[in-house]
Amino acid sequence: MAVICVDIAGRPYEVRVGAGLLAELVPNCRGLLRKRGVPIVTDAHVHAAWGEVVERSLRDNGHEPHWRILPAGEATKSWDELAATVNWLLELGVERGDSVIALGGGVIGDLTGFCASVLKRGCKFIQVPTTLLAQVDSSVGGKTAINTPAGKNLVGAFHQPSLVLADLSALDTLPRRDLLAGYAEVVKYGLIDDADFFAWCDANAAAMIDGDAALREYAVAHSVASKARIVAEDEFETTGKRALLNLGHTFGHALEAETGFSARLLHGEGVALGMVLAARYSARKGLMSQASAEHVARHIGEIGLPASLSALGLECDGRALVEHMLHDKKMDAGTLPFLLMKGIGQTYLDREVSLDDVALFLDGELARSPA
């Protein structure tokens, strides 16, 4: 088992990465489960796959699980589910020192973490991520949120978990599409500031996705360590360092909005295509070489992720996608900073990007023949 410390000032916590952690849930949560009753928020798919394992671990160690089983999918991150889940926790008598378990992917982690952040002005919660995307990204760092009609993750709070348990066994039950979507958030760390890790991804990603256990542990642990380092430097995204973690997200969230936050485009797929667009736009501006930008596109496409905007079959123009970007959380005094690249592993925040130019660029990408 790999153990990574997220060194938040005054509130450090561990991320444990290994196989079999769900079966040993209670021993791993030693000291955090104060009462016999343990509230667990999950979705129907995860409960079907892992509910019995978690229930057995709790009951064998003298605990009684209280399940809240929500529909799977992005639509669950809503005001209605937030209110209903908070009320359920209040009915259970959850106190500020108690721990709520978030068992699932990014949707469950975001919703449960936000519930924990507002319940009695903040109670504890434990992230137990069951998707690759959640294990390497959304479960670490304390960002919690729900979606609104105006856009994705626009209502939320910073609220750090007390513990993260990333059971690699859970990845064995994921559909390949979900594994690939999670991989987008793995290769992102190479593109941000670690060209050597991007090279590792070039060489090992296919085998990792196909199930090589050692490669999976390395990919998850390295990604978590990369995020932990950035979060420790800039917990609340005040210096701009943590904003680097949003590489691909400005383009990606616009695409998710245009496709209705639906299964038509998973979050990780949007991020993957968003990184391709960020690379190609960087090349358009002369920041990185065209060859490097196409290297990014080729890697993402060959691994099985979307690498062509025109292939999505969107019925919109570049201006419509830019309109979605106006709801981006990074908007500041009417301007939208963009994460662009000066090369692979050289991402930076550019505060002087013309949205008109972005719209023209997107028009070109919409018209580009799929590779």
Protein backbone atom coordinates (compact mmCIF):
# COMPACT_ATOMS: atom_id res chain seq x y z
CA MET A 1 0.00 0.00 0.00
CA ALA A 2 1.25 3.47 -0.91
CA VAL A 3 0.55 6.24 1.60
CA ILE A 4 0.66 9.88 0.55
CA CYS A 5 0.28 12.72 3.02
CA VAL A 6 -1.69 15.79 1.95
CA ASP A 7 0.09 18.36 4.07
CA ILE A 8 -2.64 20.95 4.64
CA ALA A 9 -1.61 23.34 7.40
CA GLY A 10 -3.15 22.15 10.66
CA ARG A 11 -5.27 19.49 8.92
CA PRO A 12 -3.00 16.93 7.25
CA TYR A 13 -4.53 13.65 6.11
CA GLU A 14 -3.49 10.48 4.38
CA VAL A 15 -4.37 9.06 1.00
CA ARG A 16 -3.92 5.28 1.05
CA VAL A 17 -3.59 3.52 -2.29
CA GLY A 18 -3.74 -0.25 -2.55
CA ALA A 19 -5.86 -3.31 -3.26
CA GLY A 20 -8.33 -4.68 -0.72
CA LEU A 21 -8.94 -1.47 1.26
CA LEU A 22 -12.74 -1.78 1.07
CA ALA A 23 -12.66 -5.17 2.73
CA GLU A 24 -10.53 -3.62 5.49
CA LEU A 25 -12.55 -0.41 5.71
CA VAL A 26 -12.91 -0.29 9.49
CA PRO A 27 -9.25 -1.01 10.35
CA ASN A 28 -8.25 1.71 7.89
CA CYS A 29 -10.69 4.16 9.47
CA ARG A 30 -9.48 3.50 13.00
CA GLY A 31 -10.34 6.45 15.25
CA LEU A 32 -12.67 8.12 12.75
CA LEU A 33 -15.81 6.00 13.27
CA ARG A 34 -16.95 7.13 16.72
CA LYS A 35 -20.40 5.57 16.82
CA ARG A 36 -22.00 2.24 16.02
CA GLY A 37 -24.03 3.77 13.20
CA VAL A 38 -22.05 4.84 10.11
CA PRO A 39 -23.71 6.94 7.38
CA ILE A 40 -22.61 6.02 3.84
CA VAL A 41 -23.58 7.90 0.71
CA THR A 42 -23.18 5.99 -2.55
CA ASP A 43 -24.87 5.41 -5.89
CA ALA A 44 -26.82 2.42 -7.15
CA HIS A 45 -24.02 1.08 -9.37
CA VAL A 46 -21.36 1.22 -6.65
CA HIS A 47 -23.69 -0.25 -4.06
CA ALA A 48 -24.43 -3.20 -6.33
CA ALA A 49 -20.71 -3.85 -6.83
CA TRP A 50 -19.28 -3.09 -3.38
CA GLY A 51 -22.13 -2.66 -0.90
CA GLU A 52 -21.88 -6.20 0.47
CA VAL A 53 -18.10 -5.93 1.00
CA VAL A 54 -18.42 -2.63 2.87
CA GLU A 55 -21.39 -3.83 4.90
CA ARG A 56 -19.52 -6.95 5.98
CA SER A 57 -16.48 -4.96 7.08
CA LEU A 58 -18.65 -2.63 9.15
CA ARG A 59 -20.82 -5.31 10.76
CA ASP A 60 -17.89 -7.62 11.49
CA ASN A 61 -16.34 -4.75 13.44
CA GLY A 62 -19.45 -3.83 15.44
CA HIS A 63 -20.85 -1.05 13.24
CA GLU A 64 -24.24 -0.63 11.63
CA PRO A 65 -24.24 0.91 8.14
CA HIS A 66 -26.87 3.49 7.21
CA TRP A 67 -27.07 3.67 3.42
CA ARG A 68 -28.18 6.51 1.22
CA ILE A 69 -28.20 5.11 -2.32
CA LEU A 70 -28.51 7.77 -5.03
CA PRO A 71 -28.94 7.54 -8.80
CA ALA A 72 -25.66 7.27 -10.70
CA GLY A 73 -24.76 10.19 -12.92
CA GLU A 74 -23.95 13.89 -12.99
CA ALA A 75 -27.59 14.90 -12.42
CA THR A 76 -27.24 13.73 -8.80
CA LYS A 77 -25.03 16.77 -8.04
CA SER A 78 -28.10 18.98 -7.59
CA TRP A 79 -29.77 21.30 -5.09
CA ASP A 80 -32.51 18.72 -4.52
CA GLU A 81 -30.12 15.89 -3.68
CA LEU A 82 -27.99 18.22 -1.54
CA ALA A 83 -31.01 19.21 0.56
CA ALA A 84 -32.36 15.68 0.80
CA THR A 85 -28.99 14.24 1.84
CA VAL A 86 -28.39 16.95 4.46
CA ASN A 87 -31.85 16.29 5.91
CA TRP A 88 -31.14 12.54 5.95
CA LEU A 89 -27.91 13.14 7.88
CA LEU A 90 -29.72 15.39 10.35
CA GLU A 91 -32.38 12.73 10.87
CA LEU A 92 -29.60 10.26 11.66
CA GLY A 93 -28.32 12.66 14.33
CA VAL A 94 -24.89 13.15 12.75
CA GLU A 95 -22.69 15.40 14.90
CA ARG A 96 -19.76 17.62 13.94
CA GLY A 97 -17.23 15.05 15.16
CA ASP A 98 -18.81 12.18 13.23
CA SER A 99 -17.59 10.93 9.85
CA VAL A 100 -19.75 10.47 6.78
CA ILE A 101 -18.40 8.03 4.18
CA ALA A 102 -18.51 8.98 0.50
CA LEU A 103 -18.35 5.71 -1.43
CA GLY A 104 -18.23 6.24 -5.17
CA GLY A 105 -16.91 8.39 -7.96
CA GLY A 106 -16.54 12.12 -8.27
CA VAL A 107 -20.26 12.83 -8.20
CA ILE A 108 -20.74 11.10 -4.84
CA GLY A 109 -17.55 12.58 -3.40
CA ASP A 110 -18.45 16.12 -4.46
CA LEU A 111 -22.02 15.93 -3.19
CA THR A 112 -21.16 14.21 0.11
CA GLY A 113 -18.24 16.52 0.77
CA PHE A 114 -20.43 19.57 0.21
CA CYS A 115 -23.07 18.12 2.56
CA ALA A 116 -20.35 17.60 5.18
CA SER A 117 -19.09 21.15 4.71
CA VAL A 118 -22.44 22.73 5.55
CA LEU A 119 -23.83 20.23 8.06
CA LYS A 120 -23.60 21.94 11.45
CA ARG A 121 -20.98 24.24 9.86
CA GLY A 122 -18.74 21.34 9.03
CA CYS A 123 -18.55 17.67 9.98
CA LYS A 124 -15.94 15.09 9.00
CA PHE A 125 -16.06 12.91 5.95
CA ILE A 126 -14.03 10.06 4.47
CA GLN A 127 -13.48 9.76 0.72
CA VAL A 128 -13.60 6.19 -0.58
CA PRO A 129 -13.25 6.75 -4.34
CA THR A 130 -14.16 3.85 -6.60
CA THR A 131 -13.30 5.31 -10.03
CA LEU A 132 -9.90 6.10 -11.47
CA LEU A 133 -10.89 9.73 -11.97
CA ALA A 134 -11.94 10.13 -8.34
CA GLN A 135 -8.87 8.30 -7.02
CA VAL A 136 -6.38 10.51 -8.85
CA ASP A 137 -8.22 13.82 -8.72
CA SER A 138 -11.58 14.69 -7.21
CA SER A 139 -11.22 12.82 -3.88
CA VAL A 140 -8.04 14.73 -2.99
CA GLY A 141 -7.78 18.43 -2.21
CA GLY A 142 -11.09 19.34 -0.63
CA LYS A 143 -13.05 20.81 -3.53
CA THR A 144 -16.74 19.97 -3.14
CA ALA A 145 -19.65 21.23 -5.23
CA ILE A 146 -22.95 20.72 -6.98
CA ASN A 147 -24.06 21.75 -10.46
CA THR A 148 -26.67 24.37 -11.34
CA PRO A 149 -28.44 25.28 -14.59
CA ALA A 150 -25.78 28.00 -15.05
CA GLY A 151 -22.92 25.51 -15.10
CA LYS A 152 -20.84 22.83 -13.46
CA ASN A 153 -19.51 23.03 -9.88
CA LEU A 154 -20.61 26.65 -9.44
CA VAL A 155 -21.91 26.14 -5.89
CA GLY A 156 -19.58 24.50 -3.41
CA ALA A 157 -16.97 24.83 -0.69
CA PHE A 158 -13.41 23.86 0.18
CA HIS A 159 -13.72 21.09 2.77
CA GLN A 160 -10.89 18.61 3.23
CA PRO A 161 -11.62 14.94 3.99
CA SER A 162 -10.19 13.25 7.06
CA LEU A 163 -8.93 10.29 5.04
CA VAL A 164 -8.93 8.99 1.45
CA LEU A 165 -8.96 5.25 0.76
CA ALA A 166 -8.29 4.45 -2.89
CA ASP A 167 -8.93 0.74 -3.34
CA LEU A 168 -7.39 -0.35 -6.64
CA SER A 169 -9.62 -3.44 -6.61
CA ALA A 170 -12.57 -1.16 -7.40
CA LEU A 171 -11.03 -0.36 -10.77
CA ASP A 172 -11.55 -3.98 -11.84
CA THR A 173 -15.32 -3.44 -11.90
CA LEU A 174 -15.23 -0.25 -13.98
CA PRO A 175 -16.34 -0.19 -17.62
CA ARG A 176 -13.43 0.57 -19.93
CA ARG A 177 -14.99 3.90 -20.89
CA ASP A 178 -14.89 5.03 -17.25
CA LEU A 179 -11.28 3.88 -16.87
CA LEU A 180 -10.31 5.90 -19.93
CA ALA A 181 -12.18 8.94 -18.62
CA GLY A 182 -10.18 8.68 -15.40
CA TYR A 183 -6.95 8.35 -17.32
CA ALA A 184 -7.43 11.89 -18.63
CA GLU A 185 -6.78 13.14 -15.11
CA VAL A 186 -3.66 10.97 -14.86
CA VAL A 187 -1.93 12.22 -18.01
CA LYS A 188 -2.91 15.76 -17.01
CA TYR A 189 -0.21 15.72 -14.31
CA GLY A 190 2.42 15.04 -16.95
CA LEU A 191 1.18 17.89 -19.11
CA ILE A 192 1.09 20.36 -16.21
CA ASP A 193 4.69 20.22 -15.00
CA ASP A 194 6.15 16.75 -15.36
CA ALA A 195 7.34 15.86 -18.86
CA ASP A 196 8.99 12.70 -17.52
CA PHE A 197 5.61 11.45 -16.27
CA PHE A 198 4.05 12.22 -19.65
CA ALA A 199 6.78 10.05 -21.18
CA TRP A 200 5.91 7.32 -18.64
CA CYS A 201 2.29 7.61 -19.74
CA ASP A 202 3.33 7.33 -23.37
CA ALA A 203 5.10 4.07 -22.58
CA ASN A 204 2.78 2.50 -20.00
CA ALA A 205 -0.76 3.86 -20.23
CA ALA A 206 -2.15 1.10 -22.43
CA ALA A 207 -0.92 -1.67 -20.13
CA MET A 208 -2.06 0.24 -17.05
CA ILE A 209 -5.57 0.61 -18.43
CA ASP A 210 -5.60 -3.07 -19.45
CA GLY A 211 -5.09 -4.04 -15.81
CA ASP A 212 -1.41 -4.21 -14.86
CA ALA A 213 -1.63 -3.92 -11.06
CA ALA A 214 1.82 -2.44 -10.45
CA LEU A 215 1.35 0.18 -13.16
CA ARG A 216 -2.05 1.11 -11.75
CA GLU A 217 -0.64 1.61 -8.27
CA TYR A 218 2.17 3.74 -9.63
CA ALA A 219 -0.16 5.85 -11.78
CA VAL A 220 -2.57 6.53 -8.92
CA ALA A 221 0.09 7.13 -6.26
CA HIS A 222 2.15 9.41 -8.51
CA SER A 223 -0.93 11.39 -9.52
CA VAL A 224 -2.06 11.79 -5.92
CA ALA A 225 1.42 12.90 -4.85
CA SER A 226 1.47 15.47 -7.66
CA LYS A 227 -1.89 16.87 -6.63
CA ALA A 228 -1.01 16.79 -2.93
CA ARG A 229 2.09 18.90 -3.60
CA ILE A 230 0.12 21.52 -5.52
CA VAL A 231 -2.76 21.62 -3.02
CA ALA A 232 -0.35 22.04 -0.09
CA GLU A 233 1.12 25.10 -1.83
CA ASP A 234 -2.23 26.69 -2.69
CA GLU A 235 -5.16 25.12 -0.84
CA PHE A 236 -7.74 27.77 -1.74
CA GLU A 237 -6.49 28.58 -5.26
CA THR A 238 -5.33 32.05 -4.25
CA THR A 239 -1.85 32.14 -5.79
CA GLY A 240 -2.70 30.59 -9.16
CA LYS A 241 -0.66 27.44 -8.56
CA ARG A 242 -3.68 25.24 -7.88
CA ALA A 243 -5.42 26.62 -10.96
CA LEU A 244 -2.96 24.56 -13.02
CA LEU A 245 -4.96 21.49 -12.01
CA ASN A 246 -7.77 22.81 -14.22
CA LEU A 247 -5.83 22.17 -17.43
CA GLY A 248 -8.36 21.19 -20.09
CA HIS A 249 -11.31 22.04 -17.88
CA THR A 250 -12.31 25.40 -19.36
CA PHE A 251 -12.75 23.85 -22.79
CA GLY A 252 -14.01 20.60 -21.26
CA HIS A 253 -16.70 22.15 -19.09
CA ALA A 254 -17.99 24.14 -22.08
CA LEU A 255 -18.31 20.88 -24.02
CA GLU A 256 -20.05 19.20 -21.10
CA ALA A 257 -22.51 22.09 -20.89
CA GLU A 258 -23.18 21.95 -24.63
CA THR A 259 -23.90 18.21 -24.36
CA GLY A 260 -26.17 18.73 -21.35
CA PHE A 261 -23.88 17.23 -18.69
CA SER A 262 -24.98 13.85 -19.99
CA ALA A 263 -23.52 10.45 -20.74
CA ARG A 264 -22.88 11.73 -24.26
CA LEU A 265 -19.61 13.18 -22.92
CA LEU A 266 -18.17 12.03 -19.59
CA HIS A 267 -16.25 14.57 -17.51
CA GLY A 268 -12.91 12.90 -18.13
CA GLU A 269 -13.63 12.73 -21.86
CA GLY A 270 -14.34 16.47 -21.85
CA VAL A 271 -11.08 17.11 -19.97
CA ALA A 272 -9.13 14.94 -22.43
CA LEU A 273 -10.49 16.81 -25.45
CA GLY A 274 -10.06 20.07 -23.54
CA MET A 275 -6.35 19.35 -23.13
CA VAL A 276 -6.05 18.66 -26.86
CA LEU A 277 -7.75 21.98 -27.56
CA ALA A 278 -5.53 23.78 -25.05
CA ALA A 279 -2.45 22.32 -26.75
CA ARG A 280 -3.64 23.20 -30.25
CA TYR A 281 -4.65 26.70 -29.19
CA SER A 282 -1.23 27.13 -27.55
CA ALA A 283 0.38 26.12 -30.85
CA ARG A 284 -1.88 28.56 -32.73
CA LYS A 285 -0.54 31.34 -30.49
CA GLY A 286 3.05 30.23 -31.07
CA LEU A 287 3.55 29.16 -27.46
CA MET A 288 4.38 25.52 -28.15
CA SER A 289 5.39 23.68 -31.29
CA GLN A 290 2.75 22.21 -33.56
CA ALA A 291 4.56 18.87 -33.24
CA SER A 292 4.18 18.88 -29.45
CA ALA A 293 0.52 19.82 -29.69
CA GLU A 294 -0.12 16.96 -32.11
CA HIS A 295 1.87 14.63 -29.84
CA VAL A 296 -0.66 15.42 -27.09
CA ALA A 297 -3.58 14.87 -29.48
CA ARG A 298 -2.10 11.63 -30.83
CA HIS A 299 -1.48 10.18 -27.36
CA ILE A 300 -4.99 10.98 -26.17
CA GLY A 301 -6.58 9.67 -29.36
CA GLU A 302 -4.57 6.46 -29.49
CA ILE A 303 -5.43 5.60 -25.89
CA GLY A 304 -9.12 5.77 -26.85
CA LEU A 305 -10.21 9.21 -25.65
CA PRO A 306 -11.84 11.97 -27.75
CA ALA A 307 -9.18 14.01 -29.56
CA SER A 308 -11.29 15.70 -32.24
CA LEU A 309 -13.90 18.37 -31.61
CA SER A 310 -15.57 17.82 -34.98
CA ALA A 311 -16.12 14.14 -34.15
CA LEU A 312 -18.54 15.07 -31.35
CA GLY A 313 -21.14 16.15 -33.90
CA LEU A 314 -22.07 19.32 -32.05
CA GLU A 315 -24.68 21.58 -33.61
CA CYS A 316 -23.17 24.86 -32.47
CA ASP A 317 -20.43 27.31 -33.35
CA GLY A 318 -17.38 28.49 -31.44
CA ARG A 319 -19.21 31.50 -30.03
CA ALA A 320 -21.80 29.23 -28.38
CA LEU A 321 -19.04 27.28 -26.65
CA VAL A 322 -17.40 30.52 -25.50
CA GLU A 323 -20.73 31.61 -24.02
CA HIS A 324 -20.62 28.55 -21.77
CA MET A 325 -17.14 29.61 -20.65
CA LEU A 326 -18.49 32.90 -19.30
CA HIS A 327 -19.84 30.90 -16.35
CA ASP A 328 -16.38 29.49 -15.56
CA LYS A 329 -15.36 29.85 -11.89
CA LYS A 330 -12.07 31.44 -12.96
CA MET A 331 -13.82 34.49 -14.43
CA ASP A 332 -12.24 37.57 -12.82
CA ALA A 333 -13.30 41.18 -13.50
CA GLY A 334 -14.85 40.14 -16.79
CA THR A 335 -11.81 38.26 -18.07
CA LEU A 336 -11.22 34.52 -18.24
CA PRO A 337 -7.71 33.19 -17.59
CA PHE A 338 -6.79 30.20 -19.75
CA LEU A 339 -4.43 27.36 -18.97
CA LEU A 340 -2.09 27.11 -21.94
CA MET A 341 1.19 25.32 -22.60
CA LYS A 342 4.67 26.44 -23.59
CA GLY A 343 5.51 22.79 -24.09
CA ILE A 344 4.68 19.38 -22.63
CA GLY A 345 5.07 19.77 -18.87
CA GLN A 346 5.04 23.57 -19.10
CA THR A 347 1.48 24.72 -18.35
CA TYR A 348 0.86 28.29 -17.25
CA LEU A 349 -2.07 30.65 -16.60
CA ASP A 350 -2.59 33.20 -19.37
CA ARG A 351 -4.75 36.17 -18.34
CA GLU A 352 -4.74 37.93 -21.70
CA VAL A 353 -6.60 35.55 -23.99
CA SER A 354 -9.16 37.03 -26.38
CA LEU A 355 -12.46 35.14 -26.23
CA ASP A 356 -13.17 36.30 -29.78
CA ASP A 357 -9.97 34.56 -30.86
CA VAL A 358 -10.95 31.45 -28.91
CA ALA A 359 -14.31 31.43 -30.72
CA LEU A 360 -12.56 31.62 -34.10
CA PHE A 361 -10.18 28.83 -33.08
CA LEU A 362 -13.13 26.64 -32.04
CA ASP A 363 -14.88 27.31 -35.34
CA GLY A 364 -11.79 25.94 -37.05
CA GLU A 365 -11.69 22.88 -34.78
CA LEU A 366 -15.39 22.21 -35.39
CA ALA A 367 -14.69 22.22 -39.12
CA ARG A 368 -11.48 20.14 -38.90
CA SER A 369 -11.73 16.65 -40.41
CA PRO A 370 -11.51 13.98 -37.71
CA ALA A 371 -8.15 12.19 -37.72
